[in-house]
Amino acid sequence: MKIPDKINIAGKQIDVIIDNKYCNINNAYGRVEYDRCRIYLDDYKISGVHKDVIEETFIHECLHMINNILGQNDDEATNKRTSELLYQVIKQI
């Protein structure tokens, strides 16, 4: 799976930034900044985290952004399960 530099969600351009330092500071593989329309992801080449983990995290953070745009409840546990299953589907394509 190729993680893009930018993605459009509901007409909003979201910048996807690979930033190992930012993720280390936030103790996360990924993070969303809703107000700045950004998704940050850890750099698996630097951190040593398996590429699959970062790809699934990308899906996870996209779901956070989607839920925010739709004004829906953004339950972390549900988002995690959904992103794991959606990633399984995407990997088969």
Protein backbone atom coordinates (compact mmCIF):
# COMPACT_ATOMS: atom_id res chain seq x y z
CA MET A 1 0.00 0.00 0.00
CA LYS A 2 1.33 3.43 -0.90
CA ILE A 3 0.65 6.15 1.64
CA PRO A 4 0.02 9.40 -0.24
CA ASP A 5 1.44 12.84 0.64
CA LYS A 6 -2.08 14.27 0.43
CA ILE A 7 -5.56 12.82 0.52
CA ASN A 8 -9.00 14.35 0.02
CA ILE A 9 -11.73 13.54 2.51
CA ALA A 10 -15.15 15.12 1.95
CA GLY A 11 -13.59 17.82 -0.21
CA LYS A 12 -10.91 18.72 2.34
CA GLN A 13 -7.29 18.32 1.40
CA ILE A 14 -5.45 16.49 4.18
CA ASP A 15 -1.66 16.63 4.26
CA VAL A 16 0.01 13.37 5.26
CA ILE A 17 3.31 14.01 6.99
CA ILE A 18 5.86 11.33 7.85
CA ASP A 19 7.58 12.61 10.99
CA ASN A 20 9.35 10.25 13.38
CA LYS A 21 10.24 13.03 15.84
CA TYR A 22 6.66 14.34 16.07
CA CYS A 23 5.32 10.83 16.68
CA ASN A 24 7.98 10.10 19.32
CA ILE A 25 7.11 13.30 21.19
CA ASN A 26 3.42 12.32 21.10
CA ASN A 27 4.16 8.66 21.91
CA ALA A 28 2.10 7.46 18.95
CA TYR A 29 2.45 5.85 15.53
CA GLY A 30 0.11 8.49 14.14
CA ARG A 31 -1.87 11.55 15.07
CA VAL A 32 -4.47 13.87 13.54
CA GLU A 33 -4.51 17.65 13.70
CA TYR A 34 -8.09 18.41 12.69
CA ASP A 35 -7.78 22.19 12.58
CA ARG A 36 -4.67 22.05 10.37
CA CYS A 37 -6.00 19.19 8.17
CA ARG A 38 -2.95 17.04 8.85
CA ILE A 39 -2.23 13.41 9.55
CA TYR A 40 1.16 12.64 11.04
CA LEU A 41 2.68 9.16 10.76
CA ASP A 42 5.79 7.61 12.20
CA ASP A 43 8.58 6.77 9.76
CA TYR A 44 8.87 2.98 9.87
CA LYS A 45 12.31 3.18 8.22
CA ILE A 46 13.65 5.11 11.21
CA SER A 47 11.58 3.68 14.07
CA GLY A 48 11.88 0.05 13.05
CA VAL A 49 8.12 -0.44 13.35
CA HIS A 50 6.75 -2.85 10.75
CA LYS A 51 5.41 -1.10 7.63
CA ASP A 52 2.01 -2.82 8.09
CA VAL A 53 1.59 -1.08 11.45
CA ILE A 54 2.10 2.34 9.88
CA GLU A 55 -0.21 1.53 6.96
CA GLU A 56 -2.97 0.43 9.35
CA THR A 57 -2.31 3.56 11.41
CA PHE A 58 -2.87 5.65 8.27
CA ILE A 59 -6.31 4.06 7.86
CA HIS A 60 -6.95 4.61 11.59
CA GLU A 61 -6.10 8.31 11.38
CA CYS A 62 -8.22 8.72 8.23
CA LEU A 63 -11.17 7.30 10.17
CA HIS A 64 -10.58 9.85 12.93
CA MET A 65 -10.66 12.61 10.31
CA ILE A 66 -13.81 11.20 8.70
CA ASN A 67 -15.59 10.98 12.06
CA ASN A 68 -14.57 14.56 12.87
CA ILE A 69 -15.81 15.88 9.52
CA LEU A 70 -19.12 14.04 9.94
CA GLY A 71 -19.46 15.23 13.53
CA GLN A 72 -19.80 11.65 14.73
CA ASN A 73 -18.64 10.04 17.93
CA ASP A 74 -14.95 9.20 17.61
CA ASP A 75 -14.59 6.24 19.95
CA GLU A 76 -10.95 5.08 19.96
CA ALA A 77 -11.72 1.39 20.55
CA THR A 78 -14.28 1.22 17.73
CA ASN A 79 -11.98 3.17 15.43
CA LYS A 80 -9.13 0.75 16.16
CA ARG A 81 -11.21 -2.35 15.38
CA THR A 82 -12.65 -0.77 12.23
CA SER A 83 -9.25 0.33 10.93
CA GLU A 84 -7.76 -3.13 11.50
CA LEU A 85 -10.56 -4.82 9.56
CA LEU A 86 -10.58 -2.21 6.80
CA TYR A 87 -6.81 -2.57 6.42
CA GLN A 88 -7.27 -6.35 5.98
CA VAL A 89 -9.69 -5.67 3.13
CA ILE A 90 -7.48 -3.05 1.48
CA LYS A 91 -4.43 -5.36 1.58
CA GLN A 92 -6.34 -7.86 -0.57
CA ILE A 93 -6.89 -5.37 -3.40
